[in-house]
Protein backbone atom coordinates (compact mmCIF):
# COMPACT_ATOMS: atom_id res chain seq x y z
CA MET A 1 2.51 -4.20 -58.03
CA THR A 2 1.18 -1.71 -60.57
CA THR A 3 1.62 -1.94 -64.30
CA VAL A 4 1.89 0.61 -67.07
CA ALA A 5 -1.34 1.07 -68.92
CA TYR A 6 -1.04 0.98 -72.75
CA PRO A 7 -3.98 1.47 -75.18
CA LEU A 8 -5.55 -1.81 -76.13
CA ALA A 9 -5.11 -1.00 -79.84
CA THR A 10 -3.48 1.61 -81.96
CA SER A 11 -3.59 2.26 -85.64
CA PRO A 12 -0.72 1.08 -87.86
CA GLU A 13 0.07 4.72 -88.68
CA VAL A 14 0.58 5.63 -85.03
CA GLU A 15 2.63 2.48 -84.38
CA ALA A 16 4.81 3.39 -87.36
CA GLU A 17 5.30 6.98 -86.03
CA ARG A 18 6.18 5.69 -82.58
CA ARG A 19 8.73 3.36 -84.19
CA ARG A 20 10.22 6.19 -86.20
CA ALA A 21 10.36 8.38 -83.04
CA LEU A 22 12.15 5.78 -80.98
CA ARG A 23 14.63 5.07 -83.71
CA ALA A 24 15.32 8.73 -84.04
CA LEU A 25 16.19 8.93 -80.31
CA LEU A 26 18.37 5.81 -80.46
CA ARG A 27 20.18 7.30 -83.45
CA HIS A 28 20.38 10.85 -81.94
CA PRO A 29 19.87 10.97 -78.20
CA LEU A 30 19.78 14.78 -78.42
CA LEU A 31 17.32 16.25 -80.90
CA THR A 32 16.81 20.01 -81.47
CA ALA A 33 13.58 21.66 -82.36
CA SER A 34 15.11 23.64 -85.23
CA GLY A 35 17.37 22.78 -88.15
CA GLU A 36 17.74 19.39 -89.79
CA GLN A 37 16.41 17.48 -86.80
CA ALA A 38 13.18 19.46 -86.49
CA GLU A 39 10.96 16.80 -88.08
CA GLU A 40 12.33 14.03 -85.85
CA TYR A 41 12.01 16.35 -82.79
CA ASN A 42 8.35 16.99 -83.60
CA LEU A 43 7.74 13.22 -83.99
CA VAL A 44 9.32 12.58 -80.57
CA ARG A 45 7.35 15.38 -78.93
CA ARG A 46 4.05 14.12 -80.44
CA HIS A 47 4.59 10.66 -78.95
CA SER A 48 6.61 11.73 -75.88
CA GLU A 49 4.25 10.06 -73.34
CA TRP A 50 4.32 6.65 -74.94
CA LEU A 51 8.10 6.94 -75.37
CA LYS A 52 8.69 7.83 -71.74
CA GLN A 53 6.58 4.92 -70.55
CA TRP A 54 8.32 2.40 -72.89
CA LEU A 55 11.80 3.65 -72.08
CA MET A 56 11.19 3.62 -68.35
CA ARG A 57 9.61 0.15 -68.44
CA PHE A 58 12.31 -1.63 -70.47
CA PRO A 59 15.80 -0.03 -70.66
CA VAL A 60 14.91 2.35 -67.75
CA TRP A 61 16.18 5.36 -69.63
CA THR A 62 14.65 8.85 -68.99
CA LEU A 63 13.44 11.13 -71.69
CA HIS A 64 13.24 14.91 -71.31
CA VAL A 65 11.32 16.99 -73.90
CA ASP A 66 10.80 20.74 -73.84
CA LYS A 67 10.10 23.30 -76.54
CA GLU A 68 13.70 23.42 -77.75
CA VAL A 69 15.23 19.95 -77.24
CA ALA A 70 14.43 16.26 -76.78
CA ARG A 71 17.07 14.45 -74.63
CA LEU A 72 17.27 10.70 -74.18
CA ARG A 73 19.51 9.95 -71.25
CA LYS A 74 20.93 6.55 -72.28
CA ILE A 75 22.95 4.47 -69.79
CA PRO A 76 25.07 1.80 -71.45
CA PRO A 77 24.95 -1.78 -70.27
CA ASP A 78 28.67 -1.63 -69.57
CA LEU A 79 29.85 1.60 -67.99
CA LEU A 80 33.45 0.84 -68.88
CA ASP A 81 32.91 0.12 -72.58
CA ASP A 82 35.55 2.06 -74.46
CA THR A 83 35.00 0.57 -77.91
CA ARG A 84 32.92 3.32 -79.42
CA PRO A 85 34.48 6.68 -78.78
CA ALA A 86 33.38 10.05 -80.19
CA ILE A 87 34.55 10.54 -83.75
CA ASP A 88 35.55 13.79 -85.35
CA ARG A 89 33.36 14.00 -88.49
CA THR A 90 35.96 15.76 -90.69
CA SER A 91 39.11 13.77 -90.00
CA GLY A 92 37.42 10.53 -88.92
CA THR A 93 39.77 10.23 -85.90
CA SER A 94 38.60 8.95 -82.46
CA PHE A 95 38.59 11.27 -79.45
CA SER A 96 41.59 10.89 -77.23
CA LYS A 97 41.55 11.54 -73.45
CA ARG A 98 42.77 15.00 -74.01
CA ARG A 99 40.03 15.73 -76.55
CA TYR A 100 37.41 14.51 -74.06
CA ALA A 101 38.97 16.66 -71.33
CA LEU A 102 38.96 19.73 -73.67
CA PHE A 103 35.38 18.96 -74.66
CA CYS A 104 34.33 19.10 -70.91
CA LEU A 105 36.47 22.19 -70.34
CA ALA A 106 34.87 23.85 -73.43
CA LEU A 107 31.46 23.26 -71.81
CA ALA A 108 32.73 24.96 -68.61
CA ALA A 109 34.04 27.88 -70.66
CA LEU A 110 30.66 28.26 -72.39
CA GLU A 111 28.90 28.29 -69.06
CA GLN A 112 30.85 31.51 -68.37
CA SER A 113 29.80 33.01 -71.70
CA ASP A 114 26.74 35.00 -72.78
CA ARG A 115 24.79 34.35 -75.91
CA GLN A 116 27.91 34.44 -78.19
CA THR A 117 31.49 33.55 -77.92
CA THR A 118 34.63 33.02 -80.04
CA LEU A 119 36.97 30.05 -80.42
CA GLY A 120 39.79 32.19 -79.16
CA GLN A 121 37.80 33.08 -76.05
CA ILE A 122 37.06 29.43 -75.39
CA ALA A 123 40.74 28.56 -75.72
CA ARG A 124 41.77 31.40 -73.31
CA ILE A 125 39.29 30.32 -70.67
CA ILE A 126 40.40 26.68 -70.98
CA MET A 127 44.04 27.77 -70.47
CA GLU A 128 42.92 29.64 -67.36
CA LEU A 129 40.97 26.65 -66.00
CA VAL A 130 43.90 24.33 -66.45
CA ALA A 131 46.40 26.81 -64.96
CA ALA A 132 44.17 27.15 -61.82
CA ASP A 133 43.40 23.45 -61.28
CA ARG A 134 46.22 21.42 -59.72
CA ASP A 135 44.39 18.16 -60.15
CA LEU A 136 44.20 18.71 -63.94
CA GLN A 137 47.91 19.51 -63.96
CA ALA A 138 48.70 16.47 -61.81
CA ALA A 139 46.79 14.31 -64.31
CA GLY A 140 49.14 15.58 -67.08
CA LEU A 141 46.65 17.83 -68.90
CA VAL A 142 48.42 20.66 -70.73
CA PHE A 143 46.77 23.16 -73.06
CA ASP A 144 48.73 25.78 -74.94
CA ILE A 145 46.97 27.81 -77.58
CA GLY A 146 50.34 28.23 -79.32
CA ASN A 147 50.64 24.46 -79.85
CA TYR A 148 49.21 23.12 -83.15
CA ASP A 149 48.23 19.72 -81.72
CA HIS A 150 46.54 21.37 -78.76
CA ARG A 151 44.58 23.74 -81.12
CA ARG A 152 43.66 20.72 -83.38
CA ASP A 153 42.21 18.83 -80.38
CA LEU A 154 40.22 21.85 -79.30
CA VAL A 155 38.87 22.30 -82.88
CA HIS A 156 37.74 18.65 -82.90
CA ALA A 157 35.91 19.19 -79.61
CA VAL A 158 34.24 22.40 -80.89
CA ARG A 159 33.15 20.69 -84.06
CA PHE A 160 31.50 18.03 -81.95
CA LEU A 161 29.66 20.81 -80.13
CA MET A 162 28.55 22.21 -83.48
CA ASP A 163 27.26 18.86 -84.59
CA SER A 164 25.17 18.69 -81.42
CA GLY A 165 23.61 22.09 -82.22
CA LEU A 166 25.13 23.67 -79.14
CA LEU A 167 27.28 26.06 -81.16
CA SER A 168 26.33 27.72 -84.48
CA ARG A 169 29.04 29.39 -86.49
CA LEU A 170 28.31 33.00 -87.45
CA ASP A 171 31.70 34.04 -88.90
CA GLY A 172 35.13 32.66 -89.40
CA ASP A 173 36.73 29.26 -90.09
CA GLU A 174 38.07 26.73 -87.70
CA HIS A 175 40.70 25.71 -90.26
CA GLU A 176 42.06 29.29 -90.35
CA PHE A 177 42.16 29.33 -86.50
CA LEU A 178 43.96 26.02 -86.53
CA ASN A 179 46.70 27.29 -88.87
CA ARG A 180 46.88 30.77 -87.17
CA ASN A 181 46.28 32.57 -90.36
CA ASP A 182 46.34 36.28 -89.55
CA ALA A 183 45.18 35.47 -85.99
CA SER A 184 41.84 34.37 -87.40
CA ASP A 185 38.98 33.73 -84.94
CA VAL A 186 35.55 32.17 -85.19
CA LEU A 187 32.29 33.63 -83.84
CA TYR A 188 29.55 31.37 -82.50
CA ASP A 189 25.94 31.54 -81.18
CA ILE A 190 25.36 29.44 -78.04
CA ASN A 191 22.18 27.39 -77.56
CA ARG A 192 21.90 27.38 -73.78
CA SER A 193 19.10 24.86 -73.74
CA ILE A 194 21.44 22.30 -75.30
CA LEU A 195 24.25 23.40 -73.10
CA ALA A 196 22.12 22.49 -70.07
CA SER A 197 21.17 19.10 -71.55
CA ILE A 198 24.29 17.83 -73.28
CA LEU A 199 26.08 16.08 -70.40
CA ASN A 200 24.42 12.74 -69.69
CA VAL A 201 24.92 12.92 -65.96
CA SER A 202 22.44 13.32 -63.10
CA ARG A 203 24.95 14.46 -60.50
CA SER A 204 27.69 17.06 -60.64
CA PRO A 205 31.25 15.71 -60.85
CA SER A 206 32.17 18.06 -58.05
CA ALA A 207 29.46 16.48 -55.81
CA ILE A 208 30.97 13.08 -56.49
CA GLU A 209 34.37 14.25 -55.39
CA THR A 210 32.97 15.57 -52.09
CA ALA A 211 30.54 12.76 -51.37
CA PRO A 212 30.91 11.48 -47.81
CA ASN A 213 31.00 7.81 -48.87
CA ARG A 214 33.70 8.35 -51.49
CA THR A 215 37.14 6.71 -50.87
CA ALA A 216 40.45 6.80 -52.67
CA GLU A 217 40.05 3.09 -53.56
CA ASP A 218 36.80 3.68 -55.53
CA THR A 219 37.00 1.92 -58.90
CA LEU A 220 36.27 3.75 -62.09
CA ALA A 221 33.06 1.79 -62.54
CA GLU A 222 31.92 2.95 -59.02
CA ARG A 223 32.77 6.54 -59.86
CA TRP A 224 30.80 6.29 -63.11
CA ALA A 225 27.81 4.77 -61.36
CA ARG A 226 27.70 7.61 -58.90
CA LEU A 227 27.95 10.13 -61.69
CA ILE A 228 25.06 8.83 -63.65
CA ASP A 229 23.11 7.90 -60.51
CA GLU A 230 21.90 4.43 -61.18
CA SER A 231 19.46 4.84 -58.43
CA THR A 232 17.11 5.81 -61.32
CA VAL A 233 16.33 2.13 -61.55
CA ALA A 234 15.76 1.88 -57.74
CA ARG A 235 13.40 4.85 -57.90
CA ALA A 236 11.55 3.36 -60.93
CA VAL A 237 10.83 0.15 -59.17
CA ALA A 238 10.13 1.84 -55.84
CA ASP A 239 7.49 4.00 -57.46
CA ARG A 240 5.70 0.95 -58.63
CA ALA A 241 5.90 -0.77 -55.25
CA TYR A 242 7.75 -3.81 -56.59
CA SER A 243 8.55 -6.73 -54.34
CA ASP A 244 12.21 -7.77 -53.91
CA ASP A 245 11.87 -10.36 -56.66
CA ASP A 246 10.23 -7.79 -58.94
CA THR A 247 13.11 -5.31 -58.22
CA ARG A 248 15.73 -7.88 -59.08
CA ASN A 249 13.85 -8.90 -62.23
CA GLN A 250 13.53 -5.20 -63.24
CA ARG A 251 17.31 -4.67 -62.93
CA ILE A 252 18.03 -7.81 -65.01
CA ARG A 253 15.45 -6.80 -67.63
CA CYS A 254 16.88 -3.32 -67.98
CA ARG A 255 20.46 -4.62 -68.29
CA LEU A 256 19.37 -7.11 -71.04
CA VAL A 257 17.28 -4.56 -72.97
CA ARG A 258 20.06 -1.99 -72.82
CA ALA A 259 22.51 -4.53 -74.30
CA LEU A 260 20.10 -5.64 -77.04
CA LEU A 261 19.39 -1.99 -78.04
CA ASP A 262 22.96 -0.70 -77.75
CA ASP A 263 25.33 -3.56 -78.54
CA PRO A 264 25.76 -5.30 -81.93
CA VAL A 265 25.70 -8.72 -80.22
CA LEU A 266 24.56 -9.96 -76.82
CA TYR A 267 26.72 -13.02 -76.04
CA PHE A 268 25.34 -15.55 -73.59
CA HIS A 269 28.74 -16.14 -72.09
CA ASP A 270 28.73 -12.43 -70.87
CA LEU A 271 25.63 -13.06 -68.70
CA ASN A 272 25.70 -14.38 -65.15
CA ASP A 273 23.53 -17.37 -64.19
CA GLU A 274 20.67 -15.25 -63.02
CA GLU A 275 20.54 -13.25 -66.24
CA ARG A 276 20.73 -16.39 -68.36
CA ARG A 277 17.77 -17.89 -66.47
CA TYR A 278 15.72 -14.78 -66.83
CA LEU A 279 16.50 -14.46 -70.56
CA ALA A 280 15.64 -18.13 -71.14
CA GLU A 281 12.23 -17.52 -69.52
CA HIS A 282 11.35 -14.21 -70.96
CA ARG A 283 13.27 -14.04 -74.25
CA GLY A 284 10.25 -14.22 -76.53
CA TYR A 285 8.47 -11.41 -74.68
CA LEU A 286 11.55 -9.11 -74.63
CA LEU A 287 12.48 -9.67 -78.19
CA ARG A 288 8.92 -9.07 -79.32
CA GLN A 289 8.69 -5.86 -77.39
CA ILE A 290 11.91 -4.54 -78.82
CA SER A 291 11.06 -5.66 -82.37
CA GLU A 292 7.55 -3.98 -82.26
CA ALA A 293 8.96 -0.80 -80.79
CA THR A 294 12.00 -0.39 -82.99
CA GLY A 295 11.65 -2.54 -86.11
CA LEU A 296 14.81 -4.47 -85.26
CA ILE A 297 14.76 -8.15 -86.06
CA ALA A 298 16.11 -10.65 -83.58
CA GLU A 299 18.58 -13.17 -84.82
CA VAL A 300 19.07 -15.85 -82.21
CA ARG A 301 22.04 -18.21 -82.42
CA ARG A 302 23.63 -20.71 -80.11
CA GLU A 303 26.18 -18.13 -78.83
CA GLY A 304 23.89 -15.09 -78.45
CA ILE A 305 21.40 -12.70 -79.96
CA ALA A 306 21.85 -9.86 -82.48
CA MET A 307 19.13 -7.28 -83.17
CA VAL A 308 19.46 -6.83 -86.93
CA ASP A 309 18.58 -3.44 -88.54
CA ASP A 310 17.42 -4.03 -92.03
CA GLU A 311 17.17 -0.23 -92.66
CA GLY A 312 20.79 0.28 -91.55
CA ASN A 313 20.38 3.77 -90.09
CA LEU A 314 20.73 2.63 -86.51
CA THR A 315 24.24 1.40 -87.01
CA ASP A 316 27.08 3.69 -86.08
CA LEU A 317 29.72 1.21 -87.11
CA LYS A 318 29.16 -0.64 -90.42
CA LEU A 319 30.77 -3.65 -91.93
CA PRO A 320 31.33 -3.85 -94.86
CA GLU A 321 31.81 -0.12 -95.46
CA GLU A 322 33.45 1.80 -98.27
CA GLY A 323 36.87 3.32 -97.92
CA THR A 324 40.33 2.22 -96.64
CA ASP A 325 39.29 1.51 -93.08
CA GLY A 326 36.10 -0.31 -93.99
CA HIS A 327 37.89 -2.45 -96.58
CA LEU A 328 40.77 -3.31 -94.29
CA SER A 329 38.46 -4.25 -91.46
CA LEU A 330 36.42 -6.55 -93.69
CA LEU A 331 39.52 -8.27 -95.07
CA LEU A 332 40.96 -8.63 -91.53
CA VAL A 333 37.80 -10.06 -89.99
CA GLN A 334 37.52 -12.60 -92.78
CA TRP A 335 41.15 -13.66 -92.21
CA LEU A 336 40.47 -13.87 -88.39
CA SER A 337 37.40 -16.02 -89.06
CA GLU A 338 39.42 -18.36 -91.15
CA SER A 339 42.36 -18.45 -88.66
CA SER A 340 40.01 -19.39 -85.82
CA ARG A 341 38.12 -22.14 -87.58
CA ASN A 342 40.49 -24.87 -86.52
CA SER A 343 41.51 -23.29 -83.17
CA GLU A 344 38.35 -21.85 -81.59
CA GLY A 345 39.08 -19.63 -78.61
CA ALA A 346 42.77 -19.38 -79.28
CA ALA A 347 44.39 -15.88 -79.19
CA ILE A 348 46.10 -14.57 -82.28
CA PRO A 349 49.20 -12.46 -81.52
CA ILE A 350 49.10 -8.79 -82.32
CA SER A 351 52.38 -9.24 -84.23
CA ALA A 352 50.71 -11.81 -86.56
CA ILE A 353 47.88 -9.43 -87.21
CA GLU A 354 50.28 -6.61 -88.05
CA GLU A 355 52.07 -8.88 -90.43
CA ARG A 356 48.75 -9.71 -92.12
CA VAL A 357 47.96 -6.00 -92.43
CA ARG A 358 51.43 -5.44 -94.07
CA TYR A 359 50.54 -8.10 -96.56
CA LEU A 360 47.07 -6.54 -97.24
CA ILE A 361 48.79 -3.12 -97.83
CA LYS A 362 51.01 -4.69 -100.41
CA VAL A 363 48.02 -6.20 -102.24
CA HIS A 364 45.49 -3.46 -101.87
CA GLY A 365 47.49 -0.31 -100.86
CA SER A 366 47.39 1.22 -104.31
CA ARG A 367 43.66 1.56 -103.96
CA TRP A 368 43.78 2.88 -100.40
CA ARG A 369 44.50 6.43 -99.14
CA LYS A 370 48.07 7.61 -99.35
CA GLU A 371 48.81 7.35 -95.56
CA ALA A 372 48.13 3.63 -95.68
CA ARG A 373 51.29 3.20 -97.76
CA GLU A 374 53.66 5.10 -95.43
CA ALA A 375 56.38 3.23 -93.53
CA GLY A 376 54.98 1.73 -90.29
CA ALA A 377 51.37 2.47 -91.31
CA GLU A 378 50.42 -1.15 -90.49
CA ILE A 379 50.67 -0.44 -86.80
CA ARG A 380 48.15 2.41 -86.74
CA LEU A 381 45.91 0.73 -89.28
CA THR A 382 45.89 -2.44 -87.07
CA GLU A 383 44.99 -0.46 -83.97
CA ASP A 384 42.15 1.38 -85.78
CA ALA A 385 40.79 -1.87 -87.30
CA LEU A 386 40.90 -3.74 -84.00
CA LEU A 387 39.05 -0.88 -82.26
CA ARG A 388 36.33 -1.13 -84.91
CA LEU A 389 36.10 -4.98 -84.64
CA ARG A 390 35.89 -4.73 -80.82
CA GLY A 391 33.06 -2.17 -81.16
CA LEU A 392 31.23 -4.57 -83.42
CA ARG A 393 31.66 -7.34 -80.76
CA LEU A 394 33.63 -9.46 -83.34
CA ILE A 395 36.78 -9.85 -81.28
CA GLN A 396 38.07 -9.78 -77.75
CA LEU A 397 41.43 -8.44 -76.74
CA THR A 398 43.38 -10.57 -74.23
CA ALA A 399 46.92 -10.54 -72.82
CA GLY A 400 47.82 -13.16 -75.50
CA GLY A 401 46.40 -11.23 -78.38
CA VAL A 402 43.07 -11.18 -80.30
CA VAL A 403 40.36 -13.88 -79.85
CA PRO A 404 37.84 -13.95 -82.69
CA LEU A 405 34.26 -14.25 -81.38
CA ALA A 406 31.43 -16.23 -82.80
CA ALA A 407 29.93 -13.49 -84.87
CA THR A 408 33.03 -13.39 -87.08
CA GLY A 409 31.55 -16.44 -88.78
CA ARG A 410 29.07 -14.14 -90.48
CA TYR A 411 32.10 -12.81 -92.48
CA ALA A 412 33.68 -16.10 -93.36
CA LEU A 413 35.23 -15.90 -96.78
CA ARG A 414 33.02 -17.28 -99.49
CA ASP A 415 33.61 -15.26 -102.63
CA SER A 416 36.61 -13.05 -102.58
CA ALA A 417 35.60 -11.47 -105.89
CA SER A 418 32.57 -9.93 -104.25
CA ILE A 419 34.64 -7.68 -101.96
CA THR A 420 37.32 -6.53 -104.36
CA ASP A 421 35.90 -3.13 -105.20
CA ILE A 422 34.83 -2.19 -101.64
CA GLY A 423 38.11 -0.42 -100.88
CA SER A 424 38.24 1.37 -104.28
CA ASP A 425 38.12 5.06 -103.33
CA ASN A 426 39.90 8.27 -104.05
CA GLU A 427 41.20 8.98 -100.58
CA GLU A 428 44.31 11.12 -100.78
């Protein structure tokens, strides 16, 4: 068995730069050489060899760096995790299935374009692609440029492409296109290097559909695994001539490190016996490696491990957080923590949570955005809050309702006065 060779000693300045580079990749897995991300891209490129070695040794993620883009191909510990969807930066709304579909179809449309395109042209190509694909139609996908909701979903997908650096607006306004003001259009430049790198897949979806070993009974997890080609792990261990035991340990290690890097909490009850044994034996080593490489601080409790980010910029979901949604989520998780104190593991019915949200609207609604006070708003607010709390690994949804998890104890109510002003905003 061979091992990766690291320098015996490096200066504190180099270690700090490597830490910043790795944190930049964890925060933005796709970095561009120009624009706001140029400094972070240069940092990653400078330390690309060390980054590639560390990432392949621990989470078994691959890093591609060229003169225009740095792309970390992260694979989540749970392929079916749906708790952290893409978010439209302007509206704050999560991507629906249709928005994800339009996002992928927009990429297909851009593949057919040259250096520039327009929003109207993207929409027309998507309409043609949907009209020509019976499978898309059978799945219920409909796209009509004359439909406001459909145009809105496309605009959200395109804004996401702009955030990634793939599209750069040259002229026009998406808002004008959305409202069909004088048939306005928007002109974009296309960054083809990012277009080639943006999808985090190693095999073509069409190749998956035509694979000889594919069956109609394949589960979603099996289809995902084939799409991202988890044989990356197998190749990594094969290249180092690992024994069977080493191969098994490498798979366990990468699963644990991915969870520690990606998830807010790693609960011991989510691990199988083999993973628990490995973690018990190697916990100190793994936590030390992650802490030295990222600056995250391990908080080990009876129920699990959380890697705490004192700087706060590696966290995509924050609690507490300003605004209506952040304030409601904090108030709700505190109530859930109190409710579960005398009935640990018991599910709280969704109806009871909606009733609690109705009460919170009455108490705090005057300080929240206008939509929170509309009739029936408690249903949508409850759904959004529970999605956020699931993403933070604070609750689990079951057939019987919501089960608060151990980490909710962190938010147990101690001083209600300290959170009164969090939801005070001017959202209208």
